[in-house]
Amino acid sequence: MTSIDEVAKLAGVSTATVSRALSGRGHVSAASRERVLSAANKLGYVVSSRASSLASGRTRNVGVVVPFLDRWFFSTVLSGVSSALMRHGYDITLYNITADRDVRREVFATALRRQRVDAIIAVSIELDEDETSQLLALGLPVIAIGGPNPRLDTLTVDDVAVAELATRHLLSLGHTDIAHIGANPEFDLDFHIPTQRRQGFEKALADAGIPLNPAYLEPADFTVEGGYRAAKQLLGRPGPRPTAVFAASDEMAIGALLAARDLGFRVPGDLSIVGIDGHELGEFFRLTTVDQFPIGQGELAASAVLAKLEDAAPTASHGELPYELIVRGTTARI
């Protein structure tokens, strides 16, 4: 393997200059940096992460704690985190918090304390007081994405407001018989996002003077299949049918769209459908949605962590994440 001495010799500088130029820490003239980068590239030199860690006390690795790895939303946020960190020369280590309490306890009590990471990003995980204290005791920068935690710097989405926006869109089109596909209780976990989205739905109806129809509430599991089954129940049972559906996720909205078509309903001619998330398949299905920019959430969290790592004086990172109504082809005036 090529050594740092060989890079220094080819570039005509000291090994200390090579170290500063490649690490980005310390002053190096533009000309010297260019020579070092050119020499390193020509020789195929890559900085040893172990040596860099010993010299700087940094691992250049960020721990990302997520509740699911097999759900589209979380993997998309993770993609945003990863791409932003990799552009700055950081790796990531994933910690998957499962439903197993022992596994979750092991992550906070042991895994995160092994000094393998420089900072931590927690994605949509409601941390209890003990878990929050364990994170803070690490003395590392922490950024949380999701619901508020007064002890941590957080980036949050107002899920009540997001659901209100989606429902008001349907109301503005003249719909009053609006169904809601939400979540089963077992899926109403961290931060109770499904509950908040239902609250936003109900608030928008109440503000419009429309009574809630319990028959128009159907639980699902935040998957396409779940949305499909829920929509078949809403549209296939005897009695009055809704003219519009607000699904608490785009995947459930896509399932509802497929169910409506299978049952012979025209979308949006017979039924309008709106979702939430900004799913990558939304454009393909021409789905009207409230986009909460999941890739952007990950990038913002990574930027906040990097700012903390590069600034000796910690700065607060409290703020609401953006969202936007994207009107496509699945909603229309009644």
C-alpha atoms as a PDB file:
ATOM      1  CA  MET A   1       0.000   0.000   0.000  1.00  0.00           C
ATOM      2  CA  THR A   2       1.128   3.531  -0.746  1.00  0.00           C
ATOM      3  CA  SER A   3       2.387   5.406   2.317  1.00  0.00           C
ATOM      4  CA  ILE A   4       1.927   9.022   3.317  1.00  0.00           C
ATOM      5  CA  ASP A   5       5.702   9.476   2.894  1.00  0.00           C
ATOM      6  CA  GLU A   6       5.441   8.597  -0.795  1.00  0.00           C
ATOM      7  CA  VAL A   7       2.626  11.143  -1.265  1.00  0.00           C
ATOM      8  CA  ALA A   8       4.699  13.799   0.492  1.00  0.00           C
ATOM      9  CA  LYS A   9       7.742  13.040  -1.655  1.00  0.00           C
ATOM     10  CA  LEU A  10       5.797  13.212  -4.928  1.00  0.00           C
ATOM     11  CA  ALA A  11       4.018  16.421  -3.888  1.00  0.00           C
ATOM     12  CA  GLY A  12       7.231  18.012  -2.592  1.00  0.00           C
ATOM     13  CA  VAL A  13       5.787  18.788   0.842  1.00  0.00           C
ATOM     14  CA  SER A  14       6.099  17.455   4.379  1.00  0.00           C
ATOM     15  CA  THR A  15       4.025  14.574   5.706  1.00  0.00           C
ATOM     16  CA  ALA A  16       2.376  17.031   8.101  1.00  0.00           C
ATOM     17  CA  THR A  17       1.199  19.108   5.138  1.00  0.00           C
ATOM     18  CA  VAL A  18      -0.182  15.970   3.478  1.00  0.00           C
ATOM     19  CA  SER A  19      -2.064  15.128   6.663  1.00  0.00           C
ATOM     20  CA  ARG A  20      -3.559  18.623   6.947  1.00  0.00           C
ATOM     21  CA  ALA A  21      -4.463  18.751   3.259  1.00  0.00           C
ATOM     22  CA  LEU A  22      -6.266  15.409   3.251  1.00  0.00           C
ATOM     23  CA  SER A  23      -8.002  15.810   6.605  1.00  0.00           C
ATOM     24  CA  GLY A  24      -9.170  19.366   5.943  1.00  0.00           C
ATOM     25  CA  ARG A  25      -7.902  20.417   9.369  1.00  0.00           C
ATOM     26  CA  GLY A  26      -5.260  23.107   9.647  1.00  0.00           C
ATOM     27  CA  HIS A  27      -4.024  25.703   7.163  1.00  0.00           C
ATOM     28  CA  VAL A  28      -2.627  24.580   3.817  1.00  0.00           C
ATOM     29  CA  SER A  29      -2.123  26.857   0.823  1.00  0.00           C
ATOM     30  CA  ALA A  30      -4.319  26.206  -2.196  1.00  0.00           C
ATOM     31  CA  ALA A  31      -1.291  25.315  -4.323  1.00  0.00           C
ATOM     32  CA  SER A  32       0.049  22.811  -1.783  1.00  0.00           C
ATOM     33  CA  ARG A  33      -3.372  21.239  -1.321  1.00  0.00           C
ATOM     34  CA  GLU A  34      -3.714  20.808  -5.069  1.00  0.00           C
ATOM     35  CA  ARG A  35      -0.287  19.131  -5.302  1.00  0.00           C
ATOM     36  CA  VAL A  36      -1.147  16.794  -2.411  1.00  0.00           C
ATOM     37  CA  LEU A  37      -4.506  15.815  -3.885  1.00  0.00           C
ATOM     38  CA  SER A  38      -2.935  15.238  -7.288  1.00  0.00           C
ATOM     39  CA  ALA A  39      -0.161  13.088  -5.806  1.00  0.00           C
ATOM     40  CA  ALA A  40      -2.584  11.091  -3.640  1.00  0.00           C
ATOM     41  CA  ASN A  41      -4.833  10.477  -6.618  1.00  0.00           C
ATOM     42  CA  LYS A  42      -1.925   9.436  -8.843  1.00  0.00           C
ATOM     43  CA  LEU A  43      -0.589   7.007  -6.245  1.00  0.00           C
ATOM     44  CA  GLY A  44      -4.021   5.751  -5.207  1.00  0.00           C
ATOM     45  CA  TYR A  45      -3.438   6.797  -1.611  1.00  0.00           C
ATOM     46  CA  VAL A  46      -6.363   6.535   0.807  1.00  0.00           C
ATOM     47  CA  VAL A  47      -6.132   7.832   4.355  1.00  0.00           C
ATOM     48  CA  SER A  48      -6.240   5.000   6.886  1.00  0.00           C
ATOM     49  CA  SER A  49      -9.356   5.468   8.999  1.00  0.00           C
ATOM     50  CA  ARG A  50      -7.590   3.871  11.957  1.00  0.00           C
ATOM     51  CA  ALA A  51      -4.579   6.162  11.706  1.00  0.00           C
ATOM     52  CA  SER A  52      -6.776   9.185  11.181  1.00  0.00           C
ATOM     53  CA  SER A  53      -8.837   8.263  14.222  1.00  0.00           C
ATOM     54  CA  LEU A  54      -5.749   7.881  16.397  1.00  0.00           C
ATOM     55  CA  ALA A  55      -4.384  11.225  15.260  1.00  0.00           C
ATOM     56  CA  SER A  56      -7.583  13.245  15.464  1.00  0.00           C
ATOM     57  CA  GLY A  57      -9.659  11.454  18.067  1.00  0.00           C
ATOM     58  CA  ARG A  58     -12.391  11.222  15.417  1.00  0.00           C
ATOM     59  CA  THR A  59     -13.793   8.119  13.742  1.00  0.00           C
ATOM     60  CA  ARG A  60     -15.388  10.062  10.861  1.00  0.00           C
ATOM     61  CA  ASN A  61     -18.367   7.815  11.417  1.00  0.00           C
ATOM     62  CA  VAL A  62     -21.919   8.809  12.401  1.00  0.00           C
ATOM     63  CA  GLY A  63     -24.342   6.439  14.084  1.00  0.00           C
ATOM     64  CA  VAL A  64     -27.879   6.426  12.701  1.00  0.00           C
ATOM     65  CA  VAL A  65     -30.618   4.883  14.848  1.00  0.00           C
ATOM     66  CA  VAL A  66     -33.752   3.828  12.936  1.00  0.00           C
ATOM     67  CA  PRO A  67     -36.901   1.881  13.906  1.00  0.00           C
ATOM     68  CA  PHE A  68     -37.228   0.028  10.578  1.00  0.00           C
ATOM     69  CA  LEU A  69     -34.917  -0.778   7.679  1.00  0.00           C
ATOM     70  CA  ASP A  70     -37.554  -2.362   5.440  1.00  0.00           C
ATOM     71  CA  ARG A  71     -39.948   0.597   5.255  1.00  0.00           C
ATOM     72  CA  TRP A  72     -39.738   3.003   2.318  1.00  0.00           C
ATOM     73  CA  PHE A  73     -39.863   6.203   4.380  1.00  0.00           C
ATOM     74  CA  PHE A  74     -37.024   5.273   6.719  1.00  0.00           C
ATOM     75  CA  SER A  75     -34.799   3.911   3.974  1.00  0.00           C
ATOM     76  CA  THR A  76     -35.349   7.132   2.001  1.00  0.00           C
ATOM     77  CA  VAL A  77     -34.444   9.354   4.967  1.00  0.00           C
ATOM     78  CA  LEU A  78     -31.410   7.128   5.474  1.00  0.00           C
ATOM     79  CA  SER A  79     -30.426   7.641   1.835  1.00  0.00           C
ATOM     80  CA  GLY A  80     -30.444  11.405   2.383  1.00  0.00           C
ATOM     81  CA  VAL A  81     -28.335  11.069   5.533  1.00  0.00           C
ATOM     82  CA  SER A  82     -25.851   8.740   3.851  1.00  0.00           C
ATOM     83  CA  SER A  83     -25.331  10.780   0.685  1.00  0.00           C
ATOM     84  CA  ALA A  84     -24.808  14.011   2.625  1.00  0.00           C
ATOM     85  CA  LEU A  85     -22.338  12.457   5.066  1.00  0.00           C
ATOM     86  CA  MET A  86     -20.393  10.619   2.365  1.00  0.00           C
ATOM     87  CA  ARG A  87     -19.880  13.887   0.482  1.00  0.00           C
ATOM     88  CA  HIS A  88     -18.033  15.094   3.570  1.00  0.00           C
ATOM     89  CA  GLY A  89     -15.988  11.923   4.006  1.00  0.00           C
ATOM     90  CA  TYR A  90     -18.050  10.330   6.769  1.00  0.00           C
ATOM     91  CA  ASP A  91     -19.218   6.732   7.025  1.00  0.00           C
ATOM     92  CA  ILE A  92     -22.361   5.627   8.842  1.00  0.00           C
ATOM     93  CA  THR A  93     -23.140   2.815  11.241  1.00  0.00           C
ATOM     94  CA  LEU A  94     -26.774   1.667  11.442  1.00  0.00           C
ATOM     95  CA  TYR A  95     -28.487   0.727  14.679  1.00  0.00           C
ATOM     96  CA  ASN A  96     -31.874  -0.869  14.015  1.00  0.00           C
ATOM     97  CA  ILE A  97     -34.214  -0.481  16.992  1.00  0.00           C
ATOM     98  CA  THR A  98     -36.564  -3.455  16.878  1.00  0.00           C
ATOM     99  CA  ALA A  99     -39.707  -4.241  18.859  1.00  0.00           C
ATOM    100  CA  ASP A 100     -37.553  -6.432  21.117  1.00  0.00           C
ATOM    101  CA  ARG A 101     -37.007  -4.389  24.289  1.00  0.00           C
ATOM    102  CA  ASP A 102     -33.785  -6.265  25.092  1.00  0.00           C
ATOM    103  CA  VAL A 103     -32.297  -5.383  21.696  1.00  0.00           C
ATOM    104  CA  ARG A 104     -33.306  -1.750  22.114  1.00  0.00           C
ATOM    105  CA  ARG A 105     -31.792  -1.633  25.595  1.00  0.00           C
ATOM    106  CA  GLU A 106     -28.550  -3.158  24.277  1.00  0.00           C
ATOM    107  CA  VAL A 107     -28.216  -0.464  21.602  1.00  0.00           C
ATOM    108  CA  PHE A 108     -28.396   2.382  24.115  1.00  0.00           C
ATOM    109  CA  ALA A 109     -26.615   0.718  27.010  1.00  0.00           C
ATOM    110  CA  THR A 110     -23.753  -0.888  25.082  1.00  0.00           C
ATOM    111  CA  ALA A 111     -23.499  -0.451  21.311  1.00  0.00           C
ATOM    112  CA  LEU A 112     -23.549   3.342  21.245  1.00  0.00           C
ATOM    113  CA  ARG A 113     -20.998   3.525  24.084  1.00  0.00           C
ATOM    114  CA  ARG A 114     -18.244   1.710  22.187  1.00  0.00           C
ATOM    115  CA  GLN A 115     -16.804   5.017  20.912  1.00  0.00           C
ATOM    116  CA  ARG A 116     -17.177   3.980  17.280  1.00  0.00           C
ATOM    117  CA  VAL A 117     -19.053   7.111  16.194  1.00  0.00           C
ATOM    118  CA  ASP A 118     -18.550  10.870  16.364  1.00  0.00           C
ATOM    119  CA  ALA A 119     -22.240  11.787  16.421  1.00  0.00           C
ATOM    120  CA  ILE A 120     -25.711  10.268  16.395  1.00  0.00           C
ATOM    121  CA  ILE A 121     -28.835  10.824  14.294  1.00  0.00           C
ATOM    122  CA  ALA A 122     -32.067   9.304  15.636  1.00  0.00           C
ATOM    123  CA  VAL A 123     -34.795   8.901  13.003  1.00  0.00           C
ATOM    124  CA  SER A 124     -38.448   8.918  14.151  1.00  0.00           C
ATOM    125  CA  ILE A 125     -37.757   7.214  17.479  1.00  0.00           C
ATOM    126  CA  GLU A 126     -39.505   8.370  20.631  1.00  0.00           C
ATOM    127  CA  LEU A 127     -36.797   8.187  23.272  1.00  0.00           C
ATOM    128  CA  ASP A 128     -37.768   7.791  26.917  1.00  0.00           C
ATOM    129  CA  GLU A 129     -36.034   9.726  29.689  1.00  0.00           C
ATOM    130  CA  ASP A 130     -33.492   6.982  30.363  1.00  0.00           C
ATOM    131  CA  GLU A 131     -32.580   6.586  26.675  1.00  0.00           C
ATOM    132  CA  THR A 132     -32.272  10.346  26.264  1.00  0.00           C
ATOM    133  CA  SER A 133     -30.007  10.528  29.305  1.00  0.00           C
ATOM    134  CA  GLN A 134     -27.821   7.719  27.961  1.00  0.00           C
ATOM    135  CA  LEU A 135     -27.428   9.549  24.649  1.00  0.00           C
ATOM    136  CA  LEU A 136     -26.548  12.843  26.317  1.00  0.00           C
ATOM    137  CA  ALA A 137     -24.071  11.085  28.625  1.00  0.00           C
ATOM    138  CA  LEU A 138     -22.032  10.083  25.562  1.00  0.00           C
ATOM    139  CA  GLY A 139     -21.011  13.714  25.106  1.00  0.00           C
ATOM    140  CA  LEU A 140     -21.590  13.471  21.349  1.00  0.00           C
ATOM    141  CA  PRO A 141     -23.614  15.686  19.026  1.00  0.00           C
ATOM    142  CA  VAL A 142     -27.138  14.291  18.644  1.00  0.00           C
ATOM    143  CA  ILE A 143     -29.801  15.261  16.126  1.00  0.00           C
ATOM    144  CA  ALA A 144     -33.283  13.752  16.240  1.00  0.00           C
ATOM    145  CA  ILE A 145     -35.771  13.653  13.371  1.00  0.00           C
ATOM    146  CA  GLY A 146     -39.390  13.288  14.420  1.00  0.00           C
ATOM    147  CA  GLY A 147     -41.495  14.404  17.328  1.00  0.00           C
ATOM    148  CA  PRO A 148     -40.253  16.921  19.875  1.00  0.00           C
ATOM    149  CA  ASN A 149     -37.812  16.013  22.621  1.00  0.00           C
ATOM    150  CA  PRO A 150     -37.081  19.035  24.851  1.00  0.00           C
ATOM    151  CA  ARG A 151     -33.664  17.674  25.794  1.00  0.00           C
ATOM    152  CA  LEU A 152     -32.422  17.077  22.250  1.00  0.00           C
ATOM    153  CA  ASP A 153     -31.948  19.170  19.143  1.00  0.00           C
ATOM    154  CA  THR A 154     -34.772  18.057  16.887  1.00  0.00           C
ATOM    155  CA  LEU A 155     -36.078  18.496  13.373  1.00  0.00           C
ATOM    156  CA  THR A 156     -39.835  17.946  13.420  1.00  0.00           C
ATOM    157  CA  VAL A 157     -42.798  17.627  11.077  1.00  0.00           C
ATOM    158  CA  ASP A 158     -46.166  18.940  12.254  1.00  0.00           C
ATOM    159  CA  ASP A 159     -48.192  15.831  11.382  1.00  0.00           C
ATOM    160  CA  VAL A 160     -51.474  17.388  12.517  1.00  0.00           C
ATOM    161  CA  ALA A 161     -50.940  20.323  10.152  1.00  0.00           C
ATOM    162  CA  VAL A 162     -49.855  17.990   7.332  1.00  0.00           C
ATOM    163  CA  ALA A 163     -53.080  15.972   7.644  1.00  0.00           C
ATOM    164  CA  GLU A 164     -55.160  19.143   7.878  1.00  0.00           C
ATOM    165  CA  LEU A 165     -53.624  20.360   4.618  1.00  0.00           C
ATOM    166  CA  ALA A 166     -54.435  17.091   2.829  1.00  0.00           C
ATOM    167  CA  THR A 167     -58.020  17.073   4.126  1.00  0.00           C
ATOM    168  CA  ARG A 168     -58.602  20.765   3.384  1.00  0.00           C
ATOM    169  CA  HIS A 169     -57.542  20.089  -0.196  1.00  0.00           C
ATOM    170  CA  LEU A 170     -60.371  17.570  -0.539  1.00  0.00           C
ATOM    171  CA  LEU A 171     -62.804  19.934   1.173  1.00  0.00           C
ATOM    172  CA  SER A 172     -61.830  22.724  -1.211  1.00  0.00           C
ATOM    173  CA  LEU A 173     -62.857  20.462  -4.098  1.00  0.00           C
ATOM    174  CA  GLY A 174     -66.342  20.128  -2.633  1.00  0.00           C
ATOM    175  CA  HIS A 175     -65.978  16.733  -0.979  1.00  0.00           C
ATOM    176  CA  THR A 176     -67.828  16.212   2.297  1.00  0.00           C
ATOM    177  CA  ASP A 177     -68.050  12.402   2.391  1.00  0.00           C
ATOM    178  CA  ILE A 178     -64.361  11.827   3.079  1.00  0.00           C
ATOM    179  CA  ALA A 179     -62.949   8.557   4.376  1.00  0.00           C
ATOM    180  CA  HIS A 180     -59.678   8.150   6.250  1.00  0.00           C
ATOM    181  CA  ILE A 181     -57.347   5.172   6.033  1.00  0.00           C
ATOM    182  CA  GLY A 182     -55.151   5.319   9.131  1.00  0.00           C
ATOM    183  CA  ALA A 183     -53.299   2.731  11.171  1.00  0.00           C
ATOM    184  CA  ASN A 184     -53.985  -0.180  13.454  1.00  0.00           C
ATOM    185  CA  PRO A 185     -53.053   0.467  17.103  1.00  0.00           C
ATOM    186  CA  GLU A 186     -49.958  -1.754  16.814  1.00  0.00           C
ATOM    187  CA  PHE A 187     -48.543   0.606  14.183  1.00  0.00           C
ATOM    188  CA  ASP A 188     -49.250   3.736  16.226  1.00  0.00           C
ATOM    189  CA  LEU A 189     -45.841   3.682  17.872  1.00  0.00           C
ATOM    190  CA  ASP A 190     -43.172   6.375  18.181  1.00  0.00           C
ATOM    191  CA  PHE A 191     -44.618   9.900  18.351  1.00  0.00           C
ATOM    192  CA  HIS A 192     -48.067   8.478  17.490  1.00  0.00           C
ATOM    193  CA  ILE A 193     -47.845   9.812  13.945  1.00  0.00           C
ATOM    194  CA  PRO A 194     -50.983   7.952  12.741  1.00  0.00           C
ATOM    195  CA  THR A 195     -52.964   9.392  15.657  1.00  0.00           C
ATOM    196  CA  GLN A 196     -51.718  12.894  14.892  1.00  0.00           C
ATOM    197  CA  ARG A 197     -52.668  12.527  11.241  1.00  0.00           C
ATOM    198  CA  ARG A 198     -56.125  11.342  12.211  1.00  0.00           C
ATOM    199  CA  GLN A 199     -56.402  14.327  14.557  1.00  0.00           C
ATOM    200  CA  GLY A 200     -55.530  16.641  11.693  1.00  0.00           C
ATOM    201  CA  PHE A 201     -58.166  14.952   9.520  1.00  0.00           C
ATOM    202  CA  GLU A 202     -60.828  15.305  12.206  1.00  0.00           C
ATOM    203  CA  LYS A 203     -59.870  18.916  12.935  1.00  0.00           C
ATOM    204  CA  ALA A 204     -60.219  19.890   9.276  1.00  0.00           C
ATOM    205  CA  LEU A 205     -63.676  18.288   9.159  1.00  0.00           C
ATOM    206  CA  ALA A 206     -64.739  19.974  12.402  1.00  0.00           C
ATOM    207  CA  ASP A 207     -63.532  23.372  11.196  1.00  0.00           C
ATOM    208  CA  ALA A 208     -65.649  22.851   8.066  1.00  0.00           C
ATOM    209  CA  GLY A 209     -68.691  21.902  10.157  1.00  0.00           C
ATOM    210  CA  ILE A 210     -68.750  18.316   8.890  1.00  0.00           C
ATOM    211  CA  PRO A 211     -69.524  15.575  11.441  1.00  0.00           C
ATOM    212  CA  LEU A 212     -67.176  12.612  11.585  1.00  0.00           C
ATOM    213  CA  ASN A 213     -68.648   9.407  10.147  1.00  0.00           C
ATOM    214  CA  PRO A 214     -67.149   6.409  12.012  1.00  0.00           C
ATOM    215  CA  ALA A 215     -68.004   4.181   9.033  1.00  0.00           C
ATOM    216  CA  TYR A 216     -65.491   6.175   6.988  1.00  0.00           C
ATOM    217  CA  LEU A 217     -62.562   5.303   9.273  1.00  0.00           C
ATOM    218  CA  GLU A 218     -60.620   2.220   8.207  1.00  0.00           C
ATOM    219  CA  PRO A 219     -57.380   0.957   9.806  1.00  0.00           C
ATOM    220  CA  ALA A 220     -54.430  -0.409   7.828  1.00  0.00           C
ATOM    221  CA  ASP A 221     -50.711  -1.016   8.275  1.00  0.00           C
ATOM    222  CA  PHE A 222     -48.951   1.712   6.251  1.00  0.00           C
ATOM    223  CA  THR A 223     -48.331  -0.630   3.298  1.00  0.00           C
ATOM    224  CA  VAL A 224     -49.735  -0.794  -0.238  1.00  0.00           C
ATOM    225  CA  GLU A 225     -51.414  -4.094   0.614  1.00  0.00           C
ATOM    226  CA  GLY A 226     -52.939  -2.617   3.759  1.00  0.00           C
ATOM    227  CA  GLY A 227     -54.295   0.377   1.861  1.00  0.00           C
ATOM    228  CA  TYR A 228     -55.726  -1.950  -0.787  1.00  0.00           C
ATOM    229  CA  ARG A 229     -57.594  -4.048   1.784  1.00  0.00           C
ATOM    230  CA  ALA A 230     -58.865  -0.981   3.656  1.00  0.00           C
ATOM    231  CA  ALA A 231     -60.160   0.669   0.487  1.00  0.00           C
ATOM    232  CA  LYS A 232     -61.945  -2.519  -0.543  1.00  0.00           C
ATOM    233  CA  GLN A 233     -63.732  -2.452   2.802  1.00  0.00           C
ATOM    234  CA  LEU A 234     -64.701   1.217   2.411  1.00  0.00           C
ATOM    235  CA  LEU A 235     -65.868   0.887  -1.182  1.00  0.00           C
ATOM    236  CA  GLY A 236     -67.255  -2.640  -1.196  1.00  0.00           C
ATOM    237  CA  ARG A 237     -69.591  -2.659   1.798  1.00  0.00           C
ATOM    238  CA  PRO A 238     -73.323  -1.878   1.409  1.00  0.00           C
ATOM    239  CA  GLY A 239     -74.562   1.632   2.095  1.00  0.00           C
ATOM    240  CA  PRO A 240     -73.226   5.116   1.352  1.00  0.00           C
ATOM    241  CA  ARG A 241     -69.723   5.357  -0.065  1.00  0.00           C
ATOM    242  CA  PRO A 242     -67.179   8.148   0.321  1.00  0.00           C
ATOM    243  CA  THR A 243     -66.371  10.407  -2.605  1.00  0.00           C
ATOM    244  CA  ALA A 244     -62.816  10.934  -1.384  1.00  0.00           C
ATOM    245  CA  VAL A 245     -60.152   9.157   0.659  1.00  0.00           C
ATOM    246  CA  PHE A 246     -57.339  10.655   2.713  1.00  0.00           C
ATOM    247  CA  ALA A 247     -54.712   7.994   3.418  1.00  0.00           C
ATOM    248  CA  ALA A 248     -52.141   8.578   6.155  1.00  0.00           C
ATOM    249  CA  SER A 249     -49.316   7.458   3.859  1.00  0.00           C
ATOM    250  CA  ASP A 250     -48.636   7.402   0.132  1.00  0.00           C
ATOM    251  CA  GLU A 251     -48.206   3.644   0.138  1.00  0.00           C
ATOM    252  CA  MET A 252     -51.705   3.200   1.564  1.00  0.00           C
ATOM    253  CA  ALA A 253     -52.998   5.794  -0.905  1.00  0.00           C
ATOM    254  CA  ILE A 254     -51.499   3.808  -3.803  1.00  0.00           C
ATOM    255  CA  GLY A 255     -53.163   0.673  -2.435  1.00  0.00           C
ATOM    256  CA  ALA A 256     -56.485   2.528  -2.265  1.00  0.00           C
ATOM    257  CA  LEU A 257     -56.025   3.683  -5.863  1.00  0.00           C
ATOM    258  CA  LEU A 258     -55.450   0.112  -7.065  1.00  0.00           C
ATOM    259  CA  ALA A 259     -58.460  -1.175  -5.093  1.00  0.00           C
ATOM    260  CA  ALA A 260     -60.719   1.530  -6.532  1.00  0.00           C
ATOM    261  CA  ARG A 261     -59.691   0.641 -10.059  1.00  0.00           C
ATOM    262  CA  ASP A 262     -60.224  -3.076  -9.423  1.00  0.00           C
ATOM    263  CA  LEU A 263     -63.733  -2.318  -8.150  1.00  0.00           C
ATOM    264  CA  GLY A 264     -64.552  -0.271 -11.228  1.00  0.00           C
ATOM    265  CA  PHE A 265     -64.306   3.206  -9.724  1.00  0.00           C
ATOM    266  CA  ARG A 266     -62.772   5.961 -11.814  1.00  0.00           C
ATOM    267  CA  VAL A 267     -60.068   7.982 -10.064  1.00  0.00           C
ATOM    268  CA  PRO A 268     -60.611  10.902  -9.759  1.00  0.00           C
ATOM    269  CA  GLY A 269     -63.975  10.813 -11.573  1.00  0.00           C
ATOM    270  CA  ASP A 270     -65.744   8.698  -8.932  1.00  0.00           C
ATOM    271  CA  LEU A 271     -63.240   8.904  -6.106  1.00  0.00           C
ATOM    272  CA  SER A 272     -60.503  11.365  -5.163  1.00  0.00           C
ATOM    273  CA  ILE A 273     -57.474  10.086  -3.236  1.00  0.00           C
ATOM    274  CA  VAL A 274     -54.717  11.977  -1.421  1.00  0.00           C
ATOM    275  CA  GLY A 275     -51.766  10.677   0.610  1.00  0.00           C
ATOM    276  CA  ILE A 276     -48.813  11.906   2.636  1.00  0.00           C
ATOM    277  CA  ASP A 277     -45.057  11.415   2.234  1.00  0.00           C
ATOM    278  CA  GLY A 278     -43.751  12.212  -1.242  1.00  0.00           C
ATOM    279  CA  HIS A 279     -43.217   8.598  -2.301  1.00  0.00           C
ATOM    280  CA  GLU A 280     -40.984   8.039  -5.322  1.00  0.00           C
ATOM    281  CA  LEU A 281     -43.863   6.204  -7.049  1.00  0.00           C
ATOM    282  CA  GLY A 282     -46.227   9.121  -6.544  1.00  0.00           C
ATOM    283  CA  GLU A 283     -45.352  10.691  -9.877  1.00  0.00           C
ATOM    284  CA  PHE A 284     -45.882   7.381 -11.686  1.00  0.00           C
ATOM    285  CA  PHE A 285     -49.363   6.955 -10.202  1.00  0.00           C
ATOM    286  CA  ARG A 286     -50.099  10.690 -10.578  1.00  0.00           C
ATOM    287  CA  LEU A 287     -50.858  10.704  -6.857  1.00  0.00           C
ATOM    288  CA  THR A 288     -51.846  13.912  -5.107  1.00  0.00           C
ATOM    289  CA  THR A 289     -49.859  14.049  -1.881  1.00  0.00           C
ATOM    290  CA  VAL A 290     -48.395  16.203   0.844  1.00  0.00           C
ATOM    291  CA  ASP A 291     -44.681  15.832   0.246  1.00  0.00           C
ATOM    292  CA  GLN A 292     -42.561  15.917   3.407  1.00  0.00           C
ATOM    293  CA  PHE A 293     -39.311  15.529   1.444  1.00  0.00           C
ATOM    294  CA  PRO A 294     -37.809  12.487   3.221  1.00  0.00           C
ATOM    295  CA  ILE A 295     -34.482  12.667   1.371  1.00  0.00           C
ATOM    296  CA  GLY A 296     -34.263  16.329   2.337  1.00  0.00           C
ATOM    297  CA  GLN A 297     -34.994  15.413   5.965  1.00  0.00           C
ATOM    298  CA  GLY A 298     -31.983  13.124   5.960  1.00  0.00           C
ATOM    299  CA  GLU A 299     -29.779  15.734   4.310  1.00  0.00           C
ATOM    300  CA  LEU A 300     -30.850  18.416   6.805  1.00  0.00           C
ATOM    301  CA  ALA A 301     -30.140  16.108   9.740  1.00  0.00           C
ATOM    302  CA  ALA A 302     -26.693  15.298   8.337  1.00  0.00           C
ATOM    303  CA  SER A 303     -25.965  19.002   7.806  1.00  0.00           C
ATOM    304  CA  ALA A 304     -27.003  19.755  11.384  1.00  0.00           C
ATOM    305  CA  VAL A 305     -24.707  17.023  12.737  1.00  0.00           C
ATOM    306  CA  LEU A 306     -21.798  18.173  10.576  1.00  0.00           C
ATOM    307  CA  ALA A 307     -22.286  21.749  11.796  1.00  0.00           C
ATOM    308  CA  LYS A 308     -22.073  20.500  15.371  1.00  0.00           C
ATOM    309  CA  LEU A 309     -18.935  18.480  14.626  1.00  0.00           C
ATOM    310  CA  GLU A 310     -17.202  21.414  12.970  1.00  0.00           C
ATOM    311  CA  ASP A 311     -18.248  24.075  15.471  1.00  0.00           C
ATOM    312  CA  ALA A 312     -16.692  24.000  18.921  1.00  0.00           C
ATOM    313  CA  ALA A 313     -19.632  26.035  20.256  1.00  0.00           C
ATOM    314  CA  PRO A 314     -22.773  23.851  19.997  1.00  0.00           C
ATOM    315  CA  THR A 315     -25.759  25.513  18.406  1.00  0.00           C
ATOM    316  CA  ALA A 316     -29.398  24.574  18.832  1.00  0.00           C
ATOM    317  CA  SER A 317     -31.021  22.824  15.897  1.00  0.00           C
ATOM    318  CA  HIS A 318     -34.709  23.049  16.697  1.00  0.00           C
ATOM    319  CA  GLY A 319     -36.914  23.570  13.714  1.00  0.00           C
ATOM    320  CA  GLU A 320     -39.902  22.384  11.729  1.00  0.00           C
ATOM    321  CA  LEU A 321     -39.271  20.449   8.550  1.00  0.00           C
ATOM    322  CA  PRO A 322     -40.958  21.645   5.337  1.00  0.00           C
ATOM    323  CA  TYR A 323     -43.915  20.052   3.595  1.00  0.00           C
ATOM    324  CA  GLU A 324     -45.916  20.937   0.481  1.00  0.00           C
ATOM    325  CA  LEU A 325     -49.178  19.926  -1.172  1.00  0.00           C
ATOM    326  CA  ILE A 326     -48.453  18.412  -4.599  1.00  0.00           C
ATOM    327  CA  VAL A 327     -51.622  18.265  -6.683  1.00  0.00           C
ATOM    328  CA  ARG A 328     -51.532  15.643  -9.428  1.00  0.00           C
ATOM    329  CA  GLY A 329     -54.179  13.469 -11.057  1.00  0.00           C
ATOM    330  CA  THR A 330     -55.946  11.576  -8.265  1.00  0.00           C
ATOM    331  CA  THR A 331     -58.058  14.452  -6.913  1.00  0.00           C
ATOM    332  CA  ALA A 332     -60.745  16.462  -8.670  1.00  0.00           C
ATOM    333  CA  ARG A 333     -63.756  18.641  -7.925  1.00  0.00           C
ATOM    334  CA  ILE A 334     -66.859  16.619  -7.079  1.00  0.00           C
END
